[in-house]
């Protein structure tokens, strides 16, 4: 089945899960699309089987909390990467931790950030990952070493996205500065909250805490399209990068989502996607095209 406009509009909620007792702060699909893992404000980690459509395990991280959960690039889905949930009463520090899902033991710790980690992204092809913090630093890491591989200090506000400007870096020279900078007209009514590349690396999707979403050319920095509607909480590409999906304050389904949709991702391998607030919902198409 191809992902067309009619197929996308036919998606309906197939299952809703209530495994956690507090908000789902983040979730991530495994690279092979067979599993979803979520981190929750009640310090739980829930693993869902996408093919069977049911939860598999619910371990807890009560000592550290859990937030910004990410799978590593390994296709066996036995490992995941997660940042620390610092809003919980039992927080310890701002260290990123590397956890094995096989035996629920921490493989490695990555200390260095002095304030809350607010961005965490894993490379899809190797052991590199990057983290951003309210301490005004962005750090480059390698899963095989606890030592930071690259460090960049951010000027101005302690955020990881510099509103009005896109900077592109070479990972081999991460701390040497950007090789390209795109300046755009800044909308003073909102700030940028996220930046995502399409799978072919040709497009960049910029989300904001206001009512605008921008799509730009990743090579030229030219704004290709601007969408404006409700306050956007989450935005992402579909795997074929032909559509974008938006979670917003008015994206509420009666009986399914009782609050705004803050987490939204399409499965990288199968025709399904997931959305979350305090509940987790799996979606399936209702027509063939």
Protein backbone atom coordinates (compact mmCIF):
# COMPACT_ATOMS: atom_id res chain seq x y z
CA UNK A 1 0.00 0.00 0.00
CA UNK A 2 1.27 3.47 -0.91
CA UNK A 3 0.85 6.39 1.44
CA UNK A 4 -1.47 8.67 -0.53
CA UNK A 5 -3.62 11.55 0.63
CA UNK A 6 -6.75 9.38 0.72
CA UNK A 7 -4.98 6.61 2.68
CA UNK A 8 -3.61 9.12 5.17
CA UNK A 9 -7.04 10.64 5.73
CA UNK A 10 -8.52 7.19 6.32
CA UNK A 11 -6.40 6.46 9.39
CA UNK A 12 -8.38 5.67 12.52
CA UNK A 13 -7.39 4.77 16.07
CA UNK A 14 -7.05 0.99 16.29
CA UNK A 15 -5.96 0.64 19.93
CA UNK A 16 -5.50 2.86 22.96
CA UNK A 17 -3.22 1.96 25.86
CA UNK A 18 -3.26 3.19 29.46
CA UNK A 19 -0.13 1.52 30.81
CA UNK A 20 1.27 4.64 32.48
CA UNK A 21 -0.26 6.71 35.25
CA UNK A 22 1.16 10.06 34.13
CA UNK A 23 1.99 11.94 30.93
CA UNK A 24 3.96 10.28 28.12
CA UNK A 25 6.85 12.70 27.66
CA UNK A 26 8.48 10.94 24.68
CA UNK A 27 8.35 7.79 22.55
CA UNK A 28 10.41 6.27 19.76
CA UNK A 29 10.03 3.50 17.16
CA UNK A 30 12.72 0.85 16.85
CA UNK A 31 14.67 1.04 13.54
CA UNK A 32 12.91 -2.09 12.22
CA UNK A 33 9.49 -0.68 13.13
CA UNK A 34 8.52 -3.68 15.26
CA UNK A 35 8.55 -1.96 18.67
CA UNK A 36 7.66 1.37 20.27
CA UNK A 37 9.20 2.49 23.54
CA UNK A 38 7.83 5.33 25.66
CA UNK A 39 9.17 7.30 28.61
CA UNK A 40 6.63 8.59 31.09
CA UNK A 41 6.43 11.12 33.89
CA UNK A 42 5.62 8.34 36.38
CA UNK A 43 9.21 7.05 35.83
CA UNK A 44 8.01 4.08 33.79
CA UNK A 45 9.29 2.78 30.46
CA UNK A 46 6.70 0.96 28.35
CA UNK A 47 7.61 -1.31 25.43
CA UNK A 48 4.87 -1.96 22.87
CA UNK A 49 4.81 -4.63 20.17
CA UNK A 50 3.59 -2.95 16.97
CA UNK A 51 2.81 -6.21 15.15
CA UNK A 52 0.81 -7.77 17.98
CA UNK A 53 -0.59 -4.42 19.07
CA UNK A 54 -0.01 -4.87 22.78
CA UNK A 55 2.36 -3.80 25.55
CA UNK A 56 5.22 -6.20 26.30
CA UNK A 57 7.05 -4.85 29.34
CA UNK A 58 6.84 -1.95 31.79
CA UNK A 59 10.13 -1.51 33.67
CA UNK A 60 10.68 1.49 35.95
CA UNK A 61 13.53 3.94 36.37
CA UNK A 62 12.57 5.27 39.80
CA UNK A 63 16.13 6.13 40.80
CA UNK A 64 16.81 8.48 37.88
CA UNK A 65 13.49 9.10 36.15
CA UNK A 66 13.27 8.89 32.35
CA UNK A 67 12.82 11.39 29.52
CA UNK A 68 13.79 11.91 25.84
CA UNK A 69 13.93 8.17 25.20
CA UNK A 70 15.66 7.04 22.02
CA UNK A 71 16.51 3.70 20.40
CA UNK A 72 20.08 3.23 19.22
CA UNK A 73 20.70 2.38 15.55
CA UNK A 74 21.06 -1.36 16.37
CA UNK A 75 18.32 -3.32 14.57
CA UNK A 76 17.99 -6.00 17.26
CA UNK A 77 16.08 -3.50 19.44
CA UNK A 78 17.89 -4.64 22.59
CA UNK A 79 19.24 -1.23 23.54
CA UNK A 80 17.88 2.26 23.94
CA UNK A 81 19.21 5.68 24.82
CA UNK A 82 17.43 7.95 27.25
CA UNK A 83 18.01 11.23 28.98
CA UNK A 84 17.22 11.78 32.64
CA UNK A 85 13.79 12.99 33.74
CA UNK A 86 14.84 15.92 35.86
CA UNK A 87 11.37 17.07 36.88
CA UNK A 88 10.74 14.10 39.11
CA UNK A 89 11.31 14.29 42.87
CA UNK A 90 13.93 11.54 42.75
CA UNK A 91 16.21 13.08 40.11
CA UNK A 92 19.96 12.68 40.56
CA UNK A 93 21.79 14.73 37.91
CA UNK A 94 21.79 15.76 34.24
CA UNK A 95 23.68 12.73 32.96
CA UNK A 96 22.57 10.89 29.81
CA UNK A 97 22.30 7.16 30.46
CA UNK A 98 22.62 4.17 28.12
CA UNK A 99 20.38 1.26 29.09
CA UNK A 100 20.20 -2.33 27.86
CA UNK A 101 16.60 -3.48 27.52
CA UNK A 102 17.73 -7.10 27.57
CA UNK A 103 18.66 -7.15 31.24
CA UNK A 104 17.64 -3.59 32.26
CA UNK A 105 21.19 -2.66 33.25
CA UNK A 106 22.93 0.60 32.47
CA UNK A 107 25.76 0.12 30.00
CA UNK A 108 27.33 3.54 30.26
CA UNK A 109 26.88 7.04 31.70
CA UNK A 110 27.58 10.28 29.83
CA UNK A 111 28.17 13.11 32.33
CA UNK A 112 28.88 16.71 31.40
CA UNK A 113 25.69 18.74 31.17
CA UNK A 114 25.05 21.05 34.13
CA UNK A 115 21.35 21.64 33.53
CA UNK A 116 18.38 19.76 32.12
CA UNK A 117 18.89 17.93 28.81
CA UNK A 118 16.16 19.13 26.43
CA UNK A 119 17.25 17.53 23.14
CA UNK A 120 18.65 14.07 22.39
CA UNK A 121 19.12 12.52 18.94
CA UNK A 122 20.72 9.24 17.91
CA UNK A 123 22.52 8.72 14.60
CA UNK A 124 20.63 6.22 12.39
CA UNK A 125 23.85 4.72 10.99
CA UNK A 126 26.50 4.62 13.74
CA UNK A 127 27.20 5.05 17.46
CA UNK A 128 27.14 8.86 17.48
CA UNK A 129 24.48 10.87 19.27
CA UNK A 130 24.00 14.51 20.16
CA UNK A 131 22.49 16.23 23.18
CA UNK A 132 21.44 19.79 23.95
CA UNK A 133 20.92 21.31 27.38
CA UNK A 134 19.65 24.38 29.19
CA UNK A 135 23.30 24.91 30.23
CA UNK A 136 23.71 26.47 26.73
CA UNK A 137 25.83 23.63 25.35
CA UNK A 138 25.42 21.05 22.61
CA UNK A 139 27.53 17.92 23.03
CA UNK A 140 28.52 15.22 20.54
CA UNK A 141 28.99 11.70 21.95
CA UNK A 142 29.90 8.16 20.96
CA UNK A 143 28.12 5.24 22.65
CA UNK A 144 31.46 3.47 23.12
CA UNK A 145 33.00 6.21 25.26
CA UNK A 146 31.76 8.22 28.28
CA UNK A 147 33.81 11.21 27.15
CA UNK A 148 32.30 14.05 25.15
CA UNK A 149 33.54 13.99 21.52
CA UNK A 150 32.64 17.59 20.69
CA UNK A 151 31.36 20.64 22.56
CA UNK A 152 29.64 23.79 21.31
CA UNK A 153 28.57 26.74 23.46
CA UNK A 154 25.41 28.63 22.48
CA UNK A 155 25.10 32.36 22.84
CA UNK A 156 21.92 34.03 24.03
CA UNK A 157 18.91 32.14 25.30
CA UNK A 158 19.53 28.62 26.68
CA UNK A 159 17.76 26.79 23.87
CA UNK A 160 18.98 24.33 21.27
CA UNK A 161 17.33 25.97 18.29
CA UNK A 162 18.41 29.50 17.38
CA UNK A 163 15.23 31.14 16.08
CA UNK A 164 15.65 32.89 12.73
CA UNK A 165 18.86 31.11 11.73
CA UNK A 166 19.76 27.57 10.59
CA UNK A 167 23.37 26.43 10.96
CA UNK A 168 24.73 23.24 9.39
CA UNK A 169 27.77 21.46 10.86
CA UNK A 170 30.18 18.77 9.73
CA UNK A 171 30.39 16.13 12.49
CA UNK A 172 34.11 15.70 11.82
CA UNK A 173 34.61 19.39 12.69
CA UNK A 174 31.68 19.81 15.05
CA UNK A 175 33.30 22.40 17.31
CA UNK A 176 34.86 24.43 14.46
CA UNK A 177 31.67 26.25 13.56
CA UNK A 178 29.02 25.85 10.83
CA UNK A 179 29.90 25.29 7.17
CA UNK A 180 26.62 26.93 6.11
CA UNK A 181 24.29 29.46 7.75
CA UNK A 182 20.79 30.34 6.55
CA UNK A 183 19.22 33.52 7.89
CA UNK A 184 15.48 33.94 7.61
CA UNK A 185 12.97 36.59 8.47
CA UNK A 186 12.18 36.12 12.12
CA UNK A 187 8.64 35.99 13.44
CA UNK A 188 8.84 37.69 16.83
CA UNK A 189 5.54 36.18 17.97
CA UNK A 190 7.10 32.74 18.50
CA UNK A 191 10.36 30.84 18.94
CA UNK A 192 11.63 27.79 17.10
CA UNK A 193 11.25 24.58 19.10
CA UNK A 194 12.44 21.86 16.72
CA UNK A 195 14.26 21.11 13.47
CA UNK A 196 13.98 17.84 11.53
CA UNK A 197 15.50 16.59 8.28
CA UNK A 198 13.55 14.52 5.76
CA UNK A 199 14.88 11.00 5.12
CA UNK A 200 16.53 12.12 1.88
CA UNK A 201 18.21 15.08 3.67
CA UNK A 202 16.79 17.54 1.13
CA UNK A 203 14.20 19.22 3.35
CA UNK A 204 14.18 20.74 6.83
CA UNK A 205 11.01 21.09 8.88
CA UNK A 206 11.00 23.83 11.52
CA UNK A 207 8.40 23.80 14.30
CA UNK A 208 7.66 26.68 16.65
CA UNK A 209 5.85 27.39 19.91
CA UNK A 210 3.54 29.65 17.93
CA UNK A 211 1.21 29.12 15.01
CA UNK A 212 3.77 28.67 12.22
CA UNK A 213 5.60 25.72 10.66
CA UNK A 214 8.24 26.23 7.99
CA UNK A 215 9.57 23.89 5.32
CA UNK A 216 12.93 24.91 3.88
CA UNK A 217 15.37 23.62 1.27
CA UNK A 218 18.28 22.01 3.17
CA UNK A 219 20.82 23.02 0.50
CA UNK A 220 19.74 26.59 -0.23
CA UNK A 221 17.93 27.62 2.94
CA UNK A 222 14.98 28.86 0.89
CA UNK A 223 11.57 28.75 2.58
CA UNK A 224 9.41 26.45 0.45
CA UNK A 225 6.20 26.55 2.45
CA UNK A 226 4.73 28.03 5.62
CA UNK A 227 1.76 26.59 7.51
CA UNK A 228 -0.16 28.51 10.12
CA UNK A 229 -2.84 27.20 12.47
CA UNK A 230 -3.04 26.22 16.14
CA UNK A 231 -0.07 26.18 18.48
CA UNK A 232 2.10 23.29 17.32
CA UNK A 233 3.41 20.81 19.91
CA UNK A 234 4.95 18.19 17.62
CA UNK A 235 5.65 17.93 13.90
CA UNK A 236 7.29 15.19 11.84
CA UNK A 237 7.69 13.82 8.31
CA UNK A 238 6.10 10.62 7.09
CA UNK A 239 8.79 8.06 6.03
CA UNK A 240 8.37 8.93 2.34
CA UNK A 241 8.68 12.65 3.27
CA UNK A 242 5.62 13.44 1.13
CA UNK A 243 3.48 14.49 4.10
CA UNK A 244 3.95 16.09 7.50
CA UNK A 245 2.06 15.20 10.65
CA UNK A 246 1.20 17.78 13.31
CA UNK A 247 0.27 17.44 16.96
CA UNK A 248 -1.24 20.60 18.42
CA UNK A 249 -3.28 21.98 21.28
CA UNK A 250 -6.55 21.38 19.42
CA UNK A 251 -5.59 17.84 18.32
CA UNK A 252 -7.75 16.05 20.88
CA UNK A 253 -9.83 12.90 20.22
CA UNK A 254 -12.76 12.37 22.56
CA UNK A 255 -12.28 9.16 24.50
CA UNK A 256 -8.90 8.50 22.88
CA UNK A 257 -6.74 11.47 23.80
CA UNK A 258 -7.93 13.45 26.77
CA UNK A 259 -5.32 16.17 26.28
CA UNK A 260 -3.27 17.77 23.50
CA UNK A 261 -1.19 15.40 21.34
CA UNK A 262 2.41 16.14 22.33
CA UNK A 263 4.14 13.10 20.75
CA UNK A 264 3.49 11.95 17.18
CA UNK A 265 5.53 9.63 14.92
CA UNK A 266 4.96 7.49 11.84
CA UNK A 267 6.33 3.93 11.90
CA UNK A 268 9.56 3.79 9.80
CA UNK A 269 8.67 0.41 8.22
CA UNK A 270 4.94 -0.29 8.50
CA UNK A 271 1.73 1.53 7.57
CA UNK A 272 0.89 2.76 11.05
CA UNK A 273 1.64 5.66 13.36
CA UNK A 274 1.39 6.42 17.05
CA UNK A 275 0.27 9.46 19.01
CA UNK A 276 0.38 10.19 22.72
CA UNK A 277 -0.70 12.51 25.50
CA UNK A 278 -1.32 10.63 28.75
CA UNK A 279 -2.51 7.69 26.62
CA UNK A 280 -0.79 5.87 23.73
CA UNK A 281 -2.81 5.37 20.52
CA UNK A 282 -1.97 3.17 17.51
CA UNK A 283 -3.45 4.19 14.16
CA UNK A 284 -4.21 2.07 11.06
CA UNK A 285 -5.62 2.92 7.59
CA UNK A 286 -9.20 1.86 6.84
CA UNK A 287 -8.90 1.81 3.03
CA UNK A 288 -6.53 0.36 0.43
CA UNK A 289 -5.22 2.61 -2.35
